[in-house]
Amino acid sequence: MSSSLLHPPSHLSPAVALELSQSAPAVLRNVPSTNGTYSISSLWTAAETPELWITYEHLMLSCLRTGDEESAHLCLKRLTQRFGDDNTRLMALRGLFQEAVAKDDAALKQVLDEYESILTDDPSNIPVAKRRIALLQSLNKPTEAITALTKLVDASPTDAEAWAELSDLYVSQGMYPQGIFALEEVLLITANAWNMHARLGEVLYMAATANDSGSEKYLAESFRRFCRSIELCDDYLRGYYGLKLATDRLIETAPQASRPSKGDTGLPPPEIETVKRLNEVATAKLSEIVRKSAGGEAGWQGYDEAEVIAAKELLNRDAANITR
């Protein structure tokens, strides 16, 4: 079996997901169904390895991504035969399958009703609660999704994924202070997650550019978060991209930022010379990443193509401003 089947399908590229879904008929033929007949001794057989069931789940999700509903249904059927209809994880997978094959919003609302019925009987069913939230977002009901997520994080306050999703929902509604708070909760759980430091930097930067109230404070904190991100991961493109944006703006607003606000007891704004030096570092690092990634050099592959293009455009825009 392909090792890619043991990795979450959401982390796979579309090309790899398509390749895996195309292999589904062969995989399913090579591992025959047991027709729901299991014994205690079967738990120690080769066919009963944990990797087998992980493979079925990930293969099902890859097939749904590429429209192979028949193979996805067969994977779901075998999982159900093994673990039963009442397994909480399978309830969510079954709902996901129904969402994928739904033809219109009316069908999706029926799935939503099923989720709500399940949660009425068992409010602690976290997998189904998360699927319900995802479906509310698909049906363009952000307010209801936010309400459901706040209840979820109240019940499970160490769920970093739920806090991150709540932050994204708040930001989508322009509620930046709430989005920032939710990301700070993520970092209390995963303090060394460089991508989340960068994400918090991005939200702080958006808050700084959205309105004048507190913009200097937001911008300075954004700068610090991007610095922490690249401190934790030296070649993190999004961290350097954000640092470049934040330092550019700090340099532009330096005269205003140099005057502390009355009653401001927070951290002082960064020194302008420090900002300029870090701007140069971010520019140089982005140039290096773009150049070596485009050249296919060993150790510089794996960057998201869209992010590399965005970095190149940012550098080109900066060069054009200098030329003028």
Protein backbone atom coordinates (compact mmCIF):
# COMPACT_ATOMS: atom_id res chain seq x y z
CA MET A 1 0.00 0.00 0.00
CA SER A 2 1.15 3.53 -0.69
CA SER A 3 2.60 5.33 2.32
CA SER A 4 0.54 8.37 1.27
CA LEU A 5 -2.56 6.52 2.42
CA LEU A 6 -1.30 6.77 6.00
CA HIS A 7 -1.21 10.59 5.86
CA PRO A 8 -4.29 12.82 6.27
CA PRO A 9 -5.80 13.41 2.79
CA SER A 10 -6.21 17.13 3.49
CA HIS A 11 -2.42 17.39 3.51
CA LEU A 12 -2.07 15.71 0.13
CA SER A 13 -1.81 17.62 -3.13
CA PRO A 14 -4.70 17.22 -5.61
CA ALA A 15 -2.40 15.19 -7.90
CA VAL A 16 -1.52 12.72 -5.13
CA ALA A 17 -5.17 12.49 -4.01
CA LEU A 18 -6.19 11.68 -7.60
CA GLU A 19 -3.48 9.01 -7.87
CA LEU A 20 -4.66 7.40 -4.64
CA SER A 21 -8.32 7.42 -5.64
CA GLN A 22 -7.40 5.79 -8.95
CA SER A 23 -5.68 3.02 -6.99
CA ALA A 24 -8.79 2.41 -4.86
CA PRO A 25 -10.23 -0.51 -6.91
CA ALA A 26 -6.89 -2.37 -6.75
CA VAL A 27 -6.49 -1.73 -3.01
CA LEU A 28 -10.03 -2.92 -2.29
CA ARG A 29 -9.50 -6.06 -4.40
CA ASN A 30 -6.24 -6.91 -2.65
CA VAL A 31 -7.85 -6.67 0.80
CA PRO A 32 -11.05 -8.73 0.56
CA SER A 33 -14.03 -7.90 2.73
CA THR A 34 -14.73 -10.09 5.75
CA ASN A 35 -18.49 -9.55 5.32
CA GLY A 36 -18.72 -8.32 8.88
CA THR A 37 -17.53 -11.59 10.47
CA TYR A 38 -14.93 -10.94 13.17
CA SER A 39 -13.51 -12.96 16.05
CA ILE A 40 -11.11 -12.14 18.87
CA SER A 41 -8.32 -13.97 17.09
CA SER A 42 -8.80 -11.81 13.98
CA LEU A 43 -7.46 -8.83 15.89
CA TRP A 44 -3.95 -10.31 15.64
CA THR A 45 -4.06 -11.19 11.95
CA ALA A 46 -2.31 -9.19 9.24
CA ALA A 47 -5.66 -8.05 7.88
CA GLU A 48 -6.48 -6.46 11.25
CA THR A 49 -3.56 -4.03 11.50
CA PRO A 50 -4.42 -0.46 12.54
CA GLU A 51 -2.85 0.72 9.27
CA LEU A 52 -5.56 -1.13 7.34
CA TRP A 53 -8.37 0.91 8.89
CA ILE A 54 -6.41 4.15 8.57
CA THR A 55 -5.94 3.25 4.91
CA TYR A 56 -9.66 2.68 4.41
CA GLU A 57 -10.54 6.01 6.02
CA HIS A 58 -7.97 8.03 4.07
CA LEU A 59 -8.78 6.20 0.84
CA MET A 60 -12.45 7.06 1.33
CA LEU A 61 -11.64 10.74 1.82
CA SER A 62 -9.36 10.81 -1.24
CA CYS A 63 -12.09 9.17 -3.33
CA LEU A 64 -14.64 11.76 -2.19
CA ARG A 65 -12.22 14.54 -3.19
CA THR A 66 -12.06 13.14 -6.72
CA GLY A 67 -15.71 12.10 -7.15
CA ASP A 68 -15.29 8.31 -6.90
CA GLU A 69 -18.39 7.83 -4.77
CA GLU A 70 -18.58 4.07 -5.41
CA SER A 71 -15.14 3.31 -3.98
CA ALA A 72 -15.72 5.76 -1.11
CA HIS A 73 -18.97 3.98 -0.23
CA LEU A 74 -17.23 0.60 -0.27
CA CYS A 75 -14.53 1.89 2.12
CA LEU A 76 -17.23 3.25 4.41
CA LYS A 77 -19.11 -0.04 4.26
CA ARG A 78 -16.04 -2.04 5.33
CA LEU A 79 -15.31 0.36 8.17
CA THR A 80 -18.92 0.06 9.34
CA GLN A 81 -18.75 -3.74 9.21
CA ARG A 82 -15.71 -3.63 11.45
CA PHE A 83 -16.63 -0.94 13.97
CA GLY A 84 -20.43 -0.77 13.86
CA ASP A 85 -23.03 1.91 13.16
CA ASP A 86 -22.74 3.45 16.62
CA ASN A 87 -19.04 4.31 16.41
CA THR A 88 -18.80 8.09 16.86
CA ARG A 89 -16.03 8.52 14.28
CA LEU A 90 -18.00 6.51 11.73
CA MET A 91 -21.10 8.59 12.35
CA ALA A 92 -19.10 11.63 11.26
CA LEU A 93 -17.60 9.81 8.26
CA ARG A 94 -21.05 8.64 7.20
CA GLY A 95 -22.33 12.19 7.46
CA LEU A 96 -19.37 13.44 5.43
CA PHE A 97 -20.20 10.92 2.72
CA GLN A 98 -23.83 12.09 2.68
CA GLU A 99 -22.65 15.70 2.42
CA ALA A 100 -20.42 14.81 -0.53
CA VAL A 101 -23.17 13.07 -2.49
CA ALA A 102 -25.87 15.64 -1.66
CA LYS A 103 -27.29 17.22 -4.80
CA ASP A 104 -28.61 20.47 -3.34
CA ASP A 105 -29.03 22.54 -0.19
CA ALA A 106 -32.21 20.69 0.70
CA ALA A 107 -30.26 17.43 0.91
CA LEU A 108 -27.56 19.13 2.97
CA LYS A 109 -30.19 20.42 5.39
CA GLN A 110 -31.42 16.86 5.83
CA VAL A 111 -27.89 15.85 6.80
CA LEU A 112 -27.80 18.80 9.22
CA ASP A 113 -31.04 17.57 10.79
CA GLU A 114 -29.46 14.13 11.23
CA TYR A 115 -26.45 15.68 12.97
CA GLU A 116 -28.72 17.61 15.32
CA SER A 117 -30.68 14.43 16.10
CA ILE A 118 -27.45 12.58 16.93
CA LEU A 119 -26.25 15.44 19.15
CA THR A 120 -29.60 15.59 20.95
CA ASP A 121 -29.10 11.96 21.96
CA ASP A 122 -25.36 12.36 22.66
CA PRO A 123 -24.09 15.95 23.07
CA SER A 124 -20.56 14.62 23.71
CA ASN A 125 -20.18 13.26 20.16
CA ILE A 126 -17.33 15.59 19.17
CA PRO A 127 -16.73 14.22 15.61
CA VAL A 128 -20.38 14.82 14.67
CA ALA A 129 -20.37 18.23 16.40
CA LYS A 130 -17.43 19.25 14.23
CA ARG A 131 -19.11 17.97 11.06
CA ARG A 132 -22.22 19.99 11.98
CA ILE A 133 -20.10 23.13 12.32
CA ALA A 134 -18.43 22.49 8.96
CA LEU A 135 -21.82 21.99 7.35
CA LEU A 136 -23.18 25.21 8.88
CA GLN A 137 -20.27 27.01 7.23
CA SER A 138 -21.03 25.33 3.89
CA LEU A 139 -24.63 26.50 4.17
CA ASN A 140 -23.38 30.06 4.79
CA LYS A 141 -24.53 30.26 8.39
CA PRO A 142 -21.46 31.79 10.08
CA THR A 143 -23.33 33.11 13.12
CA GLU A 144 -24.70 29.67 13.95
CA ALA A 145 -21.28 28.12 13.29
CA ILE A 146 -19.64 30.59 15.69
CA THR A 147 -22.23 29.82 18.36
CA ALA A 148 -21.66 26.09 17.93
CA LEU A 149 -17.88 26.52 18.05
CA THR A 150 -17.97 28.61 21.22
CA LYS A 151 -19.96 25.81 22.87
CA LEU A 152 -17.44 23.28 21.60
CA VAL A 153 -14.41 25.12 23.00
CA ASP A 154 -16.25 25.62 26.29
CA ALA A 155 -16.64 21.84 26.49
CA SER A 156 -13.16 21.11 25.14
CA PRO A 157 -10.92 24.11 25.91
CA THR A 158 -7.70 22.36 24.82
CA ASP A 159 -8.92 21.69 21.27
CA ALA A 160 -6.46 23.85 19.31
CA GLU A 161 -8.10 22.96 16.00
CA ALA A 162 -11.49 24.23 17.20
CA TRP A 163 -9.96 27.49 18.50
CA ALA A 164 -8.18 28.01 15.16
CA GLU A 165 -11.40 27.42 13.23
CA LEU A 166 -13.25 29.81 15.54
CA SER A 167 -10.61 32.45 14.86
CA ASP A 168 -11.02 32.03 11.09
CA LEU A 169 -14.78 32.46 11.44
CA TYR A 170 -14.39 35.61 13.53
CA VAL A 171 -11.92 37.07 11.02
CA SER A 172 -14.26 36.28 8.13
CA GLN A 173 -16.86 38.46 9.87
CA GLY A 174 -14.38 41.29 10.51
CA MET A 175 -14.33 40.55 14.26
CA TYR A 176 -10.56 40.91 14.63
CA PRO A 177 -10.26 41.26 18.45
CA GLN A 178 -12.21 38.02 18.92
CA GLY A 179 -10.15 36.31 16.21
CA ILE A 180 -6.93 37.42 17.91
CA PHE A 181 -8.16 36.11 21.27
CA ALA A 182 -8.98 32.70 19.76
CA LEU A 183 -5.51 32.43 18.18
CA GLU A 184 -3.91 33.35 21.50
CA GLU A 185 -5.77 30.39 22.97
CA VAL A 186 -4.28 28.20 20.22
CA LEU A 187 -0.79 29.34 21.21
CA LEU A 188 -1.44 28.56 24.87
CA ILE A 189 -1.91 24.96 23.72
CA THR A 190 0.75 24.83 20.99
CA ALA A 191 3.27 27.46 22.06
CA ASN A 192 5.95 26.50 19.51
CA ALA A 193 3.69 26.25 16.45
CA TRP A 194 5.45 28.67 14.11
CA ASN A 195 2.60 28.61 11.60
CA MET A 196 0.15 29.77 14.28
CA HIS A 197 2.46 32.58 15.36
CA ALA A 198 2.52 33.68 11.70
CA ARG A 199 -1.26 33.34 11.44
CA LEU A 200 -1.69 35.52 14.52
CA GLY A 201 0.71 38.01 12.93
CA GLU A 202 -1.48 38.04 9.80
CA VAL A 203 -4.68 38.68 11.77
CA LEU A 204 -3.00 41.42 13.80
CA TYR A 205 -1.78 43.00 10.54
CA MET A 206 -5.31 42.86 9.11
CA ALA A 207 -6.66 44.46 12.28
CA ALA A 208 -4.03 47.21 12.02
CA THR A 209 -5.00 48.02 8.43
CA ALA A 210 -8.76 47.74 9.01
CA ASN A 211 -9.15 50.74 11.33
CA ASP A 212 -7.18 53.45 13.08
CA SER A 213 -8.19 52.47 16.62
CA GLY A 214 -5.27 50.57 18.13
CA SER A 215 -3.56 50.17 14.74
CA GLU A 216 -0.09 51.01 16.07
CA LYS A 217 -0.41 48.45 18.86
CA TYR A 218 -1.69 45.78 16.47
CA LEU A 219 1.09 46.48 13.97
CA ALA A 220 3.83 46.29 16.58
CA GLU A 221 2.47 43.01 17.93
CA SER A 222 2.14 41.65 14.38
CA PHE A 223 5.82 42.44 13.84
CA ARG A 224 6.74 40.52 17.01
CA ARG A 225 4.65 37.49 16.06
CA PHE A 226 6.28 37.22 12.65
CA CYS A 227 9.70 37.48 14.32
CA ARG A 228 8.78 34.62 16.65
CA SER A 229 7.56 32.55 13.70
CA ILE A 230 10.85 32.74 11.82
CA GLU A 231 12.78 32.25 15.05
CA LEU A 232 11.03 28.89 15.39
CA CYS A 233 11.34 27.97 11.70
CA ASP A 234 14.20 29.60 9.83
CA ASP A 235 12.92 28.96 6.28
CA TYR A 236 9.20 29.61 6.85
CA LEU A 237 8.05 31.58 3.81
CA ARG A 238 4.81 32.93 5.30
CA GLY A 239 6.73 34.21 8.32
CA TYR A 240 9.19 36.17 6.18
CA TYR A 241 6.40 37.38 3.88
CA GLY A 242 4.47 38.73 6.86
CA LEU A 243 7.60 40.24 8.37
CA LYS A 244 8.29 42.05 5.10
CA LEU A 245 4.75 43.49 5.05
CA ALA A 246 4.81 44.48 8.72
CA THR A 247 8.22 46.15 8.56
CA ASP A 248 7.32 48.00 5.35
CA ARG A 249 4.29 49.47 7.10
CA LEU A 250 6.19 50.23 10.31
CA ILE A 251 8.78 52.16 8.31
CA GLU A 252 6.01 54.13 6.56
CA THR A 253 4.32 55.02 9.87
CA ALA A 254 7.55 55.56 11.86
CA PRO A 255 6.92 59.28 12.67
CA GLN A 256 3.47 58.51 14.11
CA ALA A 257 4.60 55.34 15.86
CA SER A 258 7.42 57.16 17.62
CA ARG A 259 4.90 59.09 19.73
CA PRO A 260 3.45 56.79 22.45
CA SER A 261 -0.28 57.10 23.07
CA LYS A 262 -1.55 58.55 26.35
CA GLY A 263 -2.20 55.89 28.91
CA ASP A 264 -0.59 53.19 26.76
CA THR A 265 0.92 50.67 29.19
CA GLY A 266 1.74 48.04 26.56
CA LEU A 267 5.08 47.20 25.00
CA PRO A 268 6.81 50.15 23.32
CA PRO A 269 6.99 50.20 19.50
CA PRO A 270 10.09 48.53 18.06
CA GLU A 271 13.13 50.67 17.36
CA ILE A 272 13.08 51.93 13.76
CA GLU A 273 16.67 50.82 13.13
CA THR A 274 15.78 47.31 14.24
CA VAL A 275 12.74 47.36 11.95
CA LYS A 276 14.87 48.43 8.98
CA ARG A 277 17.43 45.70 9.58
CA LEU A 278 14.74 43.05 9.83
CA ASN A 279 13.13 44.41 6.66
CA GLU A 280 16.42 43.81 4.88
CA VAL A 281 16.65 40.30 6.35
CA ALA A 282 13.09 39.45 5.23
CA THR A 283 13.73 40.81 1.73
CA ALA A 284 16.96 38.82 1.38
CA LYS A 285 15.39 35.61 2.69
CA LEU A 286 12.34 35.87 0.44
CA SER A 287 14.63 36.46 -2.54
CA GLU A 288 16.64 33.38 -1.61
CA ILE A 289 13.53 31.20 -1.21
CA VAL A 290 12.05 32.36 -4.53
CA ARG A 291 15.33 31.91 -6.41
CA LYS A 292 16.26 28.50 -5.01
CA SER A 293 12.73 27.12 -5.04
CA ALA A 294 12.26 28.15 -8.69
CA GLY A 295 15.65 26.61 -9.51
CA GLY A 296 14.65 23.31 -7.92
CA GLU A 297 17.68 23.24 -5.64
CA ALA A 298 17.90 20.37 -3.15
CA GLY A 299 16.45 21.30 0.23
CA TRP A 300 14.43 24.19 -1.21
CA GLN A 301 11.50 22.26 -2.65
CA GLY A 302 8.07 21.68 -1.15
CA TYR A 303 6.99 25.31 -0.89
CA ASP A 304 3.43 26.06 -1.94
CA GLU A 305 3.57 27.36 -5.51
CA ALA A 306 1.00 30.10 -4.87
CA GLU A 307 2.96 31.37 -1.86
CA VAL A 308 6.19 31.47 -3.89
CA ILE A 309 4.41 33.47 -6.63
CA ALA A 310 3.00 35.88 -4.02
CA ALA A 311 6.48 36.36 -2.53
CA LYS A 312 7.91 37.07 -5.98
CA GLU A 313 5.19 39.65 -6.68
CA LEU A 314 5.86 41.34 -3.32
CA LEU A 315 9.57 41.60 -4.13
CA ASN A 316 8.83 42.92 -7.62
CA ARG A 317 6.49 45.56 -6.21
CA ASP A 318 9.15 46.60 -3.73
CA ALA A 319 11.74 46.86 -6.53
CA ALA A 320 9.34 48.94 -8.64
CA ASN A 321 8.81 51.38 -5.75
CA ILE A 322 12.57 51.77 -5.32
CA THR A 323 12.99 52.39 -9.08
CA ARG A 324 10.43 55.20 -9.02
